[in-house]
Amino acid sequence: MIAPEGWPFILGGAAFSAVAGLLWPRWLPIAALGLLFTLFCLWFFRNPDRTPPEGRGIVVSPADGRIVYSGDAPAGRYAAEAGKKISIFMSPLDVHVNRAPVSGRVASVAYHKGRFHVASVDKASLSNEQNGVTIATGDGRKVTYVQIAGMIARRIVCDVKGGDEVRQGQRVGMIRFGSRVDVYLPADARLRVSIGDRVRAGETVVGLLP
């Protein structure tokens, strides 16, 4: 499957390659670059099916990528009290579709303008453009995932709004061309990932809520 945001890029690249190759033979090298761009977009905007594991209190990763932080988090923008945080860096080669880490009701969606630092560094969590979504579970726990733009990523797509009911693992948005997603959990959550681990959106368990 292809994420719907990708079709304008895919069809545009394919059309450019076809026109350049057929009408202007001298442009064949440029047409070849257009074809490579089209193939890259087909790869980048892939949207594979994912099935979350079963179990109570499970928090799954909202993004594909590599863990760059897993540990304590002070009170701040997305939590009134100290808790736990997991940060996932998404390279341009990772699937960029984001998925709900838990099932529940969207309690809030908060967009913040910001800079475009490299997404793998810690200051991106506070300084970069970002969109934070807090989900309240049926047990009254709150889990927040934050879509953070990177140095290249300039487009955050959020498919949910306040009051929406979401199920764990469903598509909730994406970030184009390399970025970062942070997950904020309550202080009593048990983290299941460490720095350097690879995770898959909607499938990898990153934490447990007691």
N, C-alpha and C. Protein backbone atom coordinates (compact mmCIF):
# COMPACT_ATOMS: atom_id res chain seq x y z
N MET A 1 0.83 -1.20 0.00
CA MET A 1 0.00 0.00 0.00
C MET A 1 0.87 1.26 0.00
N ILE A 2 0.33 2.34 -0.56
CA ILE A 2 1.02 3.62 -0.61
C ILE A 2 0.22 4.64 0.19
N ALA A 3 0.90 5.44 1.02
CA ALA A 3 0.23 6.50 1.77
C ALA A 3 -0.32 7.52 0.78
N PRO A 4 -1.55 8.01 1.00
CA PRO A 4 -2.17 8.92 0.03
C PRO A 4 -1.37 10.20 -0.21
N GLU A 5 -0.59 10.66 0.79
CA GLU A 5 0.22 11.87 0.60
C GLU A 5 1.30 11.69 -0.46
N GLY A 6 1.61 10.43 -0.79
CA GLY A 6 2.69 10.19 -1.74
C GLY A 6 2.29 10.27 -3.20
N TRP A 7 1.00 10.12 -3.51
CA TRP A 7 0.60 10.05 -4.91
C TRP A 7 0.94 11.29 -5.73
N PRO A 8 0.78 12.52 -5.21
CA PRO A 8 1.19 13.68 -6.02
C PRO A 8 2.66 13.63 -6.43
N PHE A 9 3.53 13.18 -5.52
CA PHE A 9 4.96 13.08 -5.84
C PHE A 9 5.21 11.97 -6.86
N ILE A 10 4.57 10.82 -6.64
CA ILE A 10 4.78 9.66 -7.51
C ILE A 10 4.28 9.94 -8.92
N LEU A 11 3.05 10.42 -9.04
CA LEU A 11 2.48 10.68 -10.36
C LEU A 11 3.18 11.84 -11.05
N GLY A 12 3.55 12.86 -10.28
CA GLY A 12 4.27 13.99 -10.87
C GLY A 12 5.62 13.57 -11.41
N GLY A 13 6.37 12.76 -10.65
CA GLY A 13 7.67 12.30 -11.11
C GLY A 13 7.56 11.41 -12.33
N ALA A 14 6.55 10.53 -12.34
CA ALA A 14 6.36 9.63 -13.47
C ALA A 14 5.98 10.41 -14.72
N ALA A 15 5.10 11.41 -14.58
CA ALA A 15 4.68 12.22 -15.73
C ALA A 15 5.85 13.01 -16.30
N PHE A 16 6.65 13.60 -15.41
CA PHE A 16 7.81 14.35 -15.87
C PHE A 16 8.77 13.46 -16.65
N SER A 17 9.06 12.27 -16.13
CA SER A 17 9.98 11.35 -16.79
C SER A 17 9.47 10.95 -18.17
N ALA A 18 8.16 10.66 -18.27
CA ALA A 18 7.58 10.23 -19.53
C ALA A 18 7.63 11.34 -20.57
N VAL A 19 7.25 12.56 -20.18
CA VAL A 19 7.24 13.68 -21.12
C VAL A 19 8.66 14.03 -21.56
N ALA A 20 9.57 14.09 -20.61
CA ALA A 20 10.96 14.44 -20.94
C ALA A 20 11.59 13.41 -21.86
N GLY A 21 11.31 12.13 -21.63
CA GLY A 21 11.91 11.08 -22.44
C GLY A 21 11.33 10.97 -23.83
N LEU A 22 10.03 11.26 -23.98
CA LEU A 22 9.38 11.11 -25.28
C LEU A 22 9.52 12.34 -26.16
N LEU A 23 9.44 13.54 -25.59
CA LEU A 23 9.43 14.76 -26.39
C LEU A 23 10.81 15.36 -26.60
N TRP A 24 11.69 15.15 -25.65
CA TRP A 24 13.03 15.74 -25.76
C TRP A 24 14.07 14.66 -25.51
N PRO A 25 14.47 13.92 -26.58
CA PRO A 25 15.42 12.81 -26.41
C PRO A 25 16.71 13.22 -25.71
N ARG A 26 17.13 14.48 -25.89
CA ARG A 26 18.36 14.93 -25.23
C ARG A 26 18.21 14.97 -23.71
N TRP A 27 16.98 14.95 -23.27
CA TRP A 27 16.72 15.02 -21.83
C TRP A 27 16.67 13.64 -21.18
N LEU A 28 17.11 12.63 -21.88
CA LEU A 28 17.03 11.28 -21.30
C LEU A 28 17.72 11.16 -19.94
N PRO A 29 18.91 11.78 -19.77
CA PRO A 29 19.51 11.70 -18.43
C PRO A 29 18.63 12.33 -17.35
N ILE A 30 17.98 13.47 -17.70
CA ILE A 30 17.10 14.12 -16.74
C ILE A 30 15.86 13.26 -16.51
N ALA A 31 15.36 12.63 -17.58
CA ALA A 31 14.21 11.73 -17.44
C ALA A 31 14.56 10.56 -16.52
N ALA A 32 15.80 10.09 -16.61
CA ALA A 32 16.24 8.98 -15.75
C ALA A 32 16.25 9.42 -14.29
N LEU A 33 16.68 10.67 -14.04
CA LEU A 33 16.66 11.17 -12.66
C LEU A 33 15.22 11.27 -12.15
N GLY A 34 14.31 11.69 -13.05
CA GLY A 34 12.91 11.75 -12.66
C GLY A 34 12.36 10.37 -12.32
N LEU A 35 12.81 9.37 -13.06
CA LEU A 35 12.37 8.00 -12.78
C LEU A 35 12.91 7.53 -11.43
N LEU A 36 14.17 7.86 -11.14
CA LEU A 36 14.73 7.50 -9.84
C LEU A 36 13.98 8.17 -8.70
N PHE A 37 13.60 9.43 -8.90
CA PHE A 37 12.81 10.14 -7.90
C PHE A 37 11.47 9.45 -7.67
N THR A 38 10.84 9.01 -8.77
CA THR A 38 9.56 8.32 -8.67
C THR A 38 9.70 7.02 -7.89
N LEU A 39 10.74 6.26 -8.18
CA LEU A 39 10.97 5.00 -7.47
C LEU A 39 11.26 5.25 -5.99
N PHE A 40 12.01 6.32 -5.69
CA PHE A 40 12.28 6.65 -4.29
C PHE A 40 10.98 6.98 -3.56
N CYS A 41 10.10 7.74 -4.21
CA CYS A 41 8.82 8.10 -3.58
C CYS A 41 7.95 6.87 -3.35
N LEU A 42 7.97 5.92 -4.29
CA LEU A 42 7.23 4.68 -4.09
C LEU A 42 7.73 3.96 -2.84
N TRP A 43 9.04 3.99 -2.64
CA TRP A 43 9.62 3.35 -1.46
C TRP A 43 9.33 4.15 -0.19
N PHE A 44 9.51 5.47 -0.27
CA PHE A 44 9.36 6.32 0.92
C PHE A 44 7.92 6.33 1.44
N PHE A 45 6.95 6.38 0.55
CA PHE A 45 5.55 6.51 0.97
C PHE A 45 4.84 5.16 1.13
N ARG A 46 5.60 4.09 1.30
CA ARG A 46 4.98 2.79 1.51
C ARG A 46 4.23 2.78 2.83
N ASN A 47 3.14 2.03 2.87
CA ASN A 47 2.26 2.01 4.04
C ASN A 47 1.87 0.56 4.35
N PRO A 48 2.80 -0.22 4.87
CA PRO A 48 2.53 -1.65 5.10
C PRO A 48 1.51 -1.88 6.21
N ASP A 49 0.78 -3.00 6.13
CA ASP A 49 -0.14 -3.37 7.20
C ASP A 49 0.65 -3.75 8.44
N ARG A 50 0.14 -3.39 9.60
CA ARG A 50 0.78 -3.72 10.87
C ARG A 50 -0.28 -4.25 11.84
N THR A 51 0.07 -5.26 12.63
CA THR A 51 -0.84 -5.86 13.60
C THR A 51 -0.23 -5.76 15.00
N PRO A 52 -0.85 -4.97 15.89
CA PRO A 52 -0.30 -4.83 17.25
C PRO A 52 -0.40 -6.14 18.02
N PRO A 53 0.53 -6.39 18.94
CA PRO A 53 0.44 -7.58 19.80
C PRO A 53 -0.70 -7.43 20.79
N GLU A 54 -1.20 -8.55 21.29
CA GLU A 54 -2.29 -8.51 22.26
C GLU A 54 -1.73 -8.42 23.67
N GLY A 55 -2.52 -7.81 24.56
CA GLY A 55 -2.10 -7.70 25.96
C GLY A 55 -2.56 -6.40 26.57
N ARG A 56 -2.76 -6.39 27.87
CA ARG A 56 -3.20 -5.19 28.58
C ARG A 56 -2.01 -4.30 28.92
N GLY A 57 -2.22 -3.00 28.81
CA GLY A 57 -1.20 -2.05 29.21
C GLY A 57 -0.05 -1.90 28.23
N ILE A 58 -0.16 -2.49 27.05
CA ILE A 58 0.93 -2.43 26.08
C ILE A 58 0.94 -1.07 25.36
N VAL A 59 2.11 -0.50 25.21
CA VAL A 59 2.31 0.70 24.41
C VAL A 59 3.21 0.33 23.24
N VAL A 60 2.71 0.51 22.02
CA VAL A 60 3.51 0.16 20.85
C VAL A 60 4.17 1.41 20.27
N SER A 61 5.19 1.20 19.50
CA SER A 61 5.90 2.32 18.88
C SER A 61 4.99 3.04 17.88
N PRO A 62 4.99 4.37 17.89
CA PRO A 62 4.22 5.11 16.90
C PRO A 62 4.97 5.32 15.59
N ALA A 63 6.23 4.87 15.52
CA ALA A 63 7.05 5.12 14.34
C ALA A 63 8.06 4.01 14.11
N ASP A 64 8.46 3.85 12.86
CA ASP A 64 9.59 3.00 12.52
C ASP A 64 10.86 3.80 12.76
N GLY A 65 11.94 3.13 13.17
CA GLY A 65 13.20 3.84 13.31
C GLY A 65 14.09 3.29 14.38
N ARG A 66 14.98 4.15 14.88
CA ARG A 66 15.99 3.76 15.86
C ARG A 66 15.78 4.56 17.14
N ILE A 67 15.87 3.89 18.29
CA ILE A 67 15.72 4.57 19.57
C ILE A 67 16.97 5.40 19.86
N VAL A 68 16.76 6.71 20.07
CA VAL A 68 17.88 7.59 20.40
C VAL A 68 17.81 8.08 21.85
N TYR A 69 16.68 7.82 22.53
CA TYR A 69 16.58 8.11 23.96
C TYR A 69 15.52 7.22 24.57
N SER A 70 15.78 6.73 25.77
CA SER A 70 14.82 5.93 26.52
C SER A 70 15.13 6.10 28.00
N GLY A 71 14.27 6.85 28.69
CA GLY A 71 14.56 7.09 30.10
C GLY A 71 13.61 8.09 30.72
N ASP A 72 14.06 8.75 31.78
CA ASP A 72 13.23 9.68 32.52
C ASP A 72 13.03 10.98 31.76
N ALA A 73 11.91 11.64 32.05
CA ALA A 73 11.61 12.93 31.44
C ALA A 73 11.04 13.86 32.50
N PRO A 74 11.53 15.09 32.60
CA PRO A 74 10.99 16.04 33.57
C PRO A 74 9.62 16.55 33.12
N ALA A 75 8.89 17.17 34.03
CA ALA A 75 7.64 17.82 33.65
C ALA A 75 7.93 18.89 32.61
N GLY A 76 7.00 19.09 31.69
CA GLY A 76 7.26 20.06 30.64
C GLY A 76 6.04 20.34 29.80
N ARG A 77 6.27 20.56 28.54
CA ARG A 77 5.22 20.99 27.61
C ARG A 77 4.07 20.01 27.52
N TYR A 78 4.37 18.71 27.60
CA TYR A 78 3.34 17.70 27.36
C TYR A 78 2.92 16.93 28.61
N ALA A 79 3.50 17.24 29.74
CA ALA A 79 3.14 16.53 30.98
C ALA A 79 3.35 17.45 32.17
N ALA A 80 2.35 17.50 33.06
CA ALA A 80 2.45 18.35 34.24
C ALA A 80 3.38 17.75 35.28
N GLU A 81 3.61 16.44 35.21
CA GLU A 81 4.48 15.76 36.16
C GLU A 81 5.59 15.02 35.41
N ALA A 82 6.66 14.72 36.14
CA ALA A 82 7.76 13.96 35.54
C ALA A 82 7.28 12.58 35.12
N GLY A 83 7.89 12.01 34.08
CA GLY A 83 7.48 10.70 33.60
C GLY A 83 8.60 10.02 32.85
N LYS A 84 8.26 9.29 31.81
CA LYS A 84 9.24 8.58 30.99
C LYS A 84 9.11 9.07 29.54
N LYS A 85 10.21 8.99 28.81
CA LYS A 85 10.20 9.42 27.41
C LYS A 85 11.00 8.45 26.56
N ILE A 86 10.48 8.21 25.36
CA ILE A 86 11.17 7.42 24.35
C ILE A 86 11.25 8.26 23.09
N SER A 87 12.42 8.35 22.48
CA SER A 87 12.59 9.12 21.25
C SER A 87 13.02 8.20 20.12
N ILE A 88 12.35 8.32 18.98
CA ILE A 88 12.59 7.46 17.82
C ILE A 88 13.03 8.32 16.65
N PHE A 89 14.20 8.06 16.10
CA PHE A 89 14.69 8.78 14.93
C PHE A 89 14.32 8.00 13.68
N MET A 90 13.67 8.67 12.74
CA MET A 90 13.23 8.07 11.48
C MET A 90 14.13 8.59 10.35
N SER A 91 14.93 7.72 9.76
CA SER A 91 15.76 8.12 8.64
C SER A 91 14.91 8.14 7.38
N PRO A 92 15.40 8.75 6.29
CA PRO A 92 14.63 8.77 5.03
C PRO A 92 14.32 7.37 4.49
N LEU A 93 15.01 6.34 4.97
CA LEU A 93 14.76 4.98 4.49
C LEU A 93 13.70 4.24 5.28
N ASP A 94 13.27 4.80 6.41
CA ASP A 94 12.26 4.14 7.24
C ASP A 94 10.85 4.43 6.71
N VAL A 95 9.90 3.56 7.07
CA VAL A 95 8.49 3.85 6.82
C VAL A 95 8.12 5.08 7.66
N HIS A 96 7.44 6.06 7.05
CA HIS A 96 7.15 7.31 7.75
C HIS A 96 5.70 7.46 8.19
N VAL A 97 4.90 6.44 8.02
CA VAL A 97 3.53 6.46 8.53
C VAL A 97 3.57 6.29 10.05
N ASN A 98 2.86 7.15 10.77
CA ASN A 98 2.78 7.07 12.23
C ASN A 98 1.51 6.36 12.66
N ARG A 99 1.60 5.60 13.77
CA ARG A 99 0.47 4.81 14.24
C ARG A 99 0.22 5.06 15.72
N ALA A 100 -1.03 4.91 16.14
CA ALA A 100 -1.41 5.18 17.53
C ALA A 100 -0.72 4.21 18.47
N PRO A 101 -0.05 4.70 19.53
CA PRO A 101 0.64 3.81 20.47
C PRO A 101 -0.31 3.06 21.39
N VAL A 102 -1.49 3.62 21.64
CA VAL A 102 -2.49 2.99 22.51
C VAL A 102 -3.88 3.26 21.94
N SER A 103 -4.85 2.53 22.44
CA SER A 103 -6.25 2.80 22.09
C SER A 103 -6.83 3.78 23.10
N GLY A 104 -7.76 4.62 22.65
CA GLY A 104 -8.40 5.56 23.56
C GLY A 104 -8.99 6.74 22.83
N ARG A 105 -9.18 7.82 23.56
CA ARG A 105 -9.76 9.05 23.01
C ARG A 105 -8.68 10.12 22.94
N VAL A 106 -8.66 10.85 21.82
CA VAL A 106 -7.69 11.94 21.67
C VAL A 106 -8.10 13.08 22.59
N ALA A 107 -7.29 13.31 23.64
CA ALA A 107 -7.60 14.34 24.62
C ALA A 107 -7.19 15.72 24.14
N SER A 108 -6.11 15.80 23.37
CA SER A 108 -5.66 17.10 22.87
C SER A 108 -4.71 16.92 21.70
N VAL A 109 -4.67 17.94 20.84
CA VAL A 109 -3.71 18.02 19.75
C VAL A 109 -3.10 19.42 19.82
N ALA A 110 -1.78 19.50 19.97
CA ALA A 110 -1.12 20.79 20.16
C ALA A 110 0.02 20.96 19.16
N TYR A 111 -0.11 21.95 18.29
CA TYR A 111 0.93 22.23 17.28
C TYR A 111 1.80 23.38 17.77
N HIS A 112 3.11 23.24 17.58
CA HIS A 112 4.05 24.28 17.98
C HIS A 112 5.01 24.57 16.83
N LYS A 113 5.11 25.84 16.45
CA LYS A 113 6.09 26.22 15.44
C LYS A 113 7.49 26.08 16.03
N GLY A 114 8.48 25.95 15.16
CA GLY A 114 9.84 25.81 15.67
C GLY A 114 10.87 25.76 14.56
N ARG A 115 12.07 25.34 14.92
CA ARG A 115 13.19 25.28 13.99
C ARG A 115 13.23 23.92 13.30
N PHE A 116 14.30 23.69 12.54
CA PHE A 116 14.45 22.43 11.82
C PHE A 116 15.86 21.87 12.03
N HIS A 117 16.17 21.61 13.32
CA HIS A 117 17.45 20.99 13.64
C HIS A 117 17.45 19.53 13.18
N VAL A 118 18.64 18.94 13.14
CA VAL A 118 18.74 17.51 12.85
C VAL A 118 17.91 16.75 13.88
N ALA A 119 17.04 15.86 13.41
CA ALA A 119 16.05 15.23 14.30
C ALA A 119 16.65 14.24 15.28
N SER A 120 17.88 13.79 15.07
CA SER A 120 18.47 12.78 15.95
C SER A 120 19.05 13.38 17.23
N VAL A 121 19.16 14.70 17.32
CA VAL A 121 19.75 15.33 18.51
C VAL A 121 18.66 15.69 19.50
N ASP A 122 19.02 15.74 20.80
CA ASP A 122 18.03 15.94 21.86
C ASP A 122 17.32 17.28 21.77
N LYS A 123 18.02 18.34 21.32
CA LYS A 123 17.38 19.66 21.32
C LYS A 123 16.22 19.73 20.33
N ALA A 124 16.12 18.77 19.42
CA ALA A 124 14.99 18.75 18.49
C ALA A 124 13.68 18.55 19.23
N SER A 125 13.71 17.87 20.38
CA SER A 125 12.49 17.61 21.15
C SER A 125 11.82 18.89 21.63
N LEU A 126 12.60 19.94 21.85
CA LEU A 126 12.05 21.20 22.35
C LEU A 126 12.02 22.29 21.29
N SER A 127 13.04 22.32 20.41
CA SER A 127 13.21 23.46 19.51
C SER A 127 12.52 23.30 18.16
N ASN A 128 12.37 22.06 17.67
CA ASN A 128 11.86 21.87 16.31
C ASN A 128 10.35 22.03 16.21
N GLU A 129 9.88 22.31 15.01
CA GLU A 129 8.44 22.31 14.74
C GLU A 129 7.87 20.95 15.12
N GLN A 130 6.71 20.94 15.78
CA GLN A 130 6.20 19.66 16.28
C GLN A 130 4.70 19.70 16.51
N ASN A 131 4.14 18.50 16.60
CA ASN A 131 2.71 18.33 16.83
C ASN A 131 2.52 17.23 17.87
N GLY A 132 1.98 17.60 19.04
CA GLY A 132 1.81 16.64 20.12
C GLY A 132 0.37 16.18 20.26
N VAL A 133 0.16 14.87 20.31
CA VAL A 133 -1.17 14.29 20.44
C VAL A 133 -1.22 13.46 21.71
N THR A 134 -2.16 13.80 22.61
CA THR A 134 -2.33 13.07 23.86
C THR A 134 -3.56 12.18 23.76
N ILE A 135 -3.39 10.89 24.09
CA ILE A 135 -4.47 9.92 24.05
C ILE A 135 -4.77 9.47 25.47
N ALA A 136 -6.04 9.54 25.86
CA ALA A 136 -6.48 9.05 27.17
C ALA A 136 -7.03 7.64 26.99
N THR A 137 -6.45 6.67 27.67
CA THR A 137 -6.89 5.28 27.54
C THR A 137 -8.17 5.05 28.35
N GLY A 138 -8.77 3.88 28.15
CA GLY A 138 -9.98 3.54 28.89
C GLY A 138 -9.75 3.45 30.38
N ASP A 139 -8.48 3.24 30.81
CA ASP A 139 -8.15 3.16 32.23
C ASP A 139 -7.79 4.52 32.82
N GLY A 140 -7.91 5.57 31.99
CA GLY A 140 -7.63 6.91 32.50
C GLY A 140 -6.17 7.31 32.44
N ARG A 141 -5.32 6.47 31.81
CA ARG A 141 -3.91 6.84 31.66
C ARG A 141 -3.75 7.71 30.41
N LYS A 142 -2.72 8.54 30.39
CA LYS A 142 -2.48 9.41 29.25
C LYS A 142 -1.11 9.12 28.63
N VAL A 143 -1.11 8.94 27.32
CA VAL A 143 0.10 8.70 26.55
C VAL A 143 0.16 9.75 25.44
N THR A 144 1.29 10.40 25.31
CA THR A 144 1.45 11.45 24.30
C THR A 144 2.52 11.05 23.30
N TYR A 145 2.20 11.18 22.02
CA TYR A 145 3.24 11.04 20.99
C TYR A 145 3.40 12.39 20.30
N VAL A 146 4.64 12.73 19.97
CA VAL A 146 4.95 14.03 19.40
C VAL A 146 5.64 13.85 18.05
N GLN A 147 5.01 14.31 16.99
CA GLN A 147 5.60 14.29 15.65
C GLN A 147 6.51 15.50 15.53
N ILE A 148 7.79 15.28 15.26
CA ILE A 148 8.77 16.36 15.25
C ILE A 148 9.43 16.44 13.87
N ALA A 149 9.40 17.62 13.27
CA ALA A 149 10.04 17.82 11.97
C ALA A 149 11.56 17.78 12.14
N GLY A 150 12.26 17.40 11.08
CA GLY A 150 13.72 17.35 11.10
C GLY A 150 14.32 18.41 10.21
N MET A 151 15.60 18.26 9.90
CA MET A 151 16.30 19.23 9.07
C MET A 151 15.76 19.24 7.65
N ILE A 152 15.36 18.05 7.15
CA ILE A 152 14.82 17.94 5.79
C ILE A 152 13.30 17.91 5.82
N ALA A 153 12.74 17.23 6.84
CA ALA A 153 11.28 17.12 6.92
C ALA A 153 10.66 18.48 7.20
N ARG A 154 9.73 18.90 6.36
CA ARG A 154 9.07 20.19 6.54
C ARG A 154 7.55 20.06 6.51
N ARG A 155 7.05 18.85 6.64
CA ARG A 155 5.61 18.66 6.54
C ARG A 155 5.16 17.59 7.53
N ILE A 156 4.44 18.01 8.56
CA ILE A 156 3.85 17.09 9.52
C ILE A 156 2.39 16.89 9.17
N VAL A 157 1.97 15.65 9.02
CA VAL A 157 0.58 15.33 8.70
C VAL A 157 -0.05 14.66 9.92
N CYS A 158 -1.14 15.24 10.43
CA CYS A 158 -1.86 14.67 11.57
C CYS A 158 -3.28 14.35 11.12
N ASP A 159 -3.68 13.10 11.26
CA ASP A 159 -4.99 12.65 10.78
C ASP A 159 -6.07 12.62 11.86
N VAL A 160 -5.74 13.06 13.08
CA VAL A 160 -6.72 13.00 14.17
C VAL A 160 -6.94 14.38 14.76
N LYS A 161 -8.04 14.52 15.50
CA LYS A 161 -8.36 15.77 16.19
C LYS A 161 -8.92 15.43 17.56
N GLY A 162 -9.03 16.44 18.41
CA GLY A 162 -9.53 16.23 19.75
C GLY A 162 -10.91 15.59 19.76
N GLY A 163 -11.09 14.57 20.61
CA GLY A 163 -12.36 13.87 20.71
C GLY A 163 -12.45 12.61 19.89
N ASP A 164 -11.53 12.42 18.93
CA ASP A 164 -11.56 11.21 18.10
C ASP A 164 -11.23 9.98 18.94
N GLU A 165 -11.89 8.87 18.61
CA GLU A 165 -11.53 7.58 19.19
C GLU A 165 -10.54 6.89 18.26
N VAL A 166 -9.43 6.40 18.82
CA VAL A 166 -8.42 5.73 18.01
C VAL A 166 -8.17 4.34 18.59
N ARG A 167 -7.76 3.45 17.73
CA ARG A 167 -7.40 2.12 18.19
C ARG A 167 -5.90 1.93 18.01
N GLN A 168 -5.32 1.16 18.87
CA GLN A 168 -3.87 0.94 18.84
C GLN A 168 -3.44 0.41 17.48
N GLY A 169 -2.41 1.02 16.92
CA GLY A 169 -1.86 0.58 15.66
C GLY A 169 -2.46 1.22 14.43
N GLN A 170 -3.56 2.00 14.58
CA GLN A 170 -4.15 2.62 13.39
C GLN A 170 -3.29 3.77 12.92
N ARG A 171 -3.36 4.08 11.64
CA ARG A 171 -2.63 5.20 11.06
C ARG A 171 -3.16 6.50 11.64
N VAL A 172 -2.25 7.38 12.11
CA VAL A 172 -2.65 8.66 12.68
C VAL A 172 -1.93 9.84 12.02
N GLY A 173 -1.11 9.57 11.01
CA GLY A 173 -0.41 10.65 10.32
C GLY A 173 0.93 10.19 9.77
N MET A 174 1.75 11.15 9.38
CA MET A 174 3.10 10.84 8.89
C MET A 174 3.93 12.12 8.88
N ILE A 175 5.23 11.96 8.70
CA ILE A 175 6.14 13.09 8.57
C ILE A 175 7.00 12.82 7.34
N ARG A 176 7.13 13.81 6.48
CA ARG A 176 7.86 13.58 5.23
C ARG A 176 9.36 13.77 5.36
N PHE A 177 10.11 12.80 4.86
CA PHE A 177 11.54 12.89 4.58
C PHE A 177 12.45 13.06 5.79
N GLY A 178 12.37 12.12 6.73
CA GLY A 178 13.31 12.09 7.84
C GLY A 178 12.87 12.94 9.01
N SER A 179 12.74 12.36 10.19
CA SER A 179 12.17 13.11 11.30
C SER A 179 12.33 12.35 12.61
N ARG A 180 11.47 12.67 13.57
CA ARG A 180 11.59 12.10 14.92
C ARG A 180 10.21 12.05 15.57
N VAL A 181 9.97 11.03 16.38
CA VAL A 181 8.74 10.95 17.16
C VAL A 181 9.12 10.65 18.61
N ASP A 182 8.63 11.47 19.53
CA ASP A 182 8.83 11.24 20.97
C ASP A 182 7.55 10.67 21.56
N VAL A 183 7.70 9.81 22.56
CA VAL A 183 6.56 9.24 23.27
C VAL A 183 6.73 9.54 24.76
N TYR A 184 5.71 10.15 25.37
CA TYR A 184 5.73 10.46 26.80
C TYR A 184 4.77 9.53 27.53
N LEU A 185 5.29 8.88 28.59
CA LEU A 185 4.53 7.91 29.36
C LEU A 185 4.50 8.32 30.83
N PRO A 186 3.52 7.82 31.61
CA PRO A 186 3.51 8.12 33.05
C PRO A 186 4.77 7.59 33.74
N ALA A 187 5.04 8.12 34.92
CA ALA A 187 6.27 7.78 35.64
C ALA A 187 6.35 6.31 36.02
N ASP A 188 5.19 5.65 36.21
CA ASP A 188 5.22 4.24 36.62
C ASP A 188 5.27 3.27 35.44
N ALA A 189 5.37 3.79 34.23
CA ALA A 189 5.48 2.92 33.06
C ALA A 189 6.82 2.20 33.06
N ARG A 190 6.83 1.00 32.52
CA ARG A 190 8.08 0.24 32.38
C ARG A 190 8.51 0.29 30.92
N LEU A 191 9.72 0.77 30.68
CA LEU A 191 10.22 0.89 29.32
C LEU A 191 10.76 -0.45 28.84
N ARG A 192 10.51 -0.77 27.58
CA ARG A 192 10.91 -2.05 27.02
C ARG A 192 11.94 -1.91 25.90
N VAL A 193 12.47 -0.71 25.69
CA VAL A 193 13.47 -0.51 24.64
C VAL A 193 14.65 0.28 25.19
N SER A 194 15.79 0.14 24.51
CA SER A 194 17.02 0.83 24.90
C SER A 194 17.57 1.59 23.70
N ILE A 195 18.48 2.51 23.97
CA ILE A 195 19.11 3.29 22.90
C ILE A 195 19.77 2.34 21.90
N GLY A 196 19.51 2.59 20.62
CA GLY A 196 20.08 1.77 19.56
C GLY A 196 19.13 0.71 19.03
N ASP A 197 18.07 0.39 19.77
CA ASP A 197 17.11 -0.61 19.30
C ASP A 197 16.37 -0.11 18.06
N ARG A 198 16.02 -1.04 17.17
CA ARG A 198 15.18 -0.74 16.02
C ARG A 198 13.73 -1.10 16.36
N VAL A 199 12.79 -0.24 15.97
CA VAL A 199 11.38 -0.47 16.29
C VAL A 199 10.53 -0.31 15.03
N ARG A 200 9.33 -0.93 15.08
CA ARG A 200 8.38 -0.85 13.97
C ARG A 200 7.05 -0.29 14.49
N ALA A 201 6.52 0.68 13.77
CA ALA A 201 5.28 1.33 14.19
C ALA A 201 4.14 0.33 14.24
N GLY A 202 3.39 0.37 15.34
CA GLY A 202 2.22 -0.48 15.47
C GLY A 202 2.51 -1.90 15.89
N GLU A 203 3.77 -2.29 16.01
CA GLU A 203 4.11 -3.67 16.34
C GLU A 203 5.06 -3.81 17.53
N THR A 204 6.12 -3.01 17.58
CA THR A 204 7.11 -3.15 18.64
C THR A 204 6.60 -2.58 19.96
N VAL A 205 6.65 -3.37 21.02
CA VAL A 205 6.26 -2.90 22.35
C VAL A 205 7.39 -2.04 22.91
N VAL A 206 7.08 -0.76 23.23
CA VAL A 206 8.11 0.12 23.76
C VAL A 206 7.92 0.39 25.25
N GLY A 207 6.74 0.07 25.79
CA GLY A 207 6.50 0.30 27.21
C GLY A 207 5.28 -0.46 27.70
N LEU A 208 5.15 -0.56 29.03
CA LEU A 208 4.02 -1.21 29.66
C LEU A 208 3.43 -0.27 30.70
N LEU A 209 2.10 -0.14 30.71
CA LEU A 209 1.41 0.65 31.71
C LEU A 209 0.82 -0.29 32.76
N PRO A 210 1.27 -0.21 34.02
CA PRO A 210 0.76 -1.12 35.05
C PRO A 210 -0.71 -0.85 35.37
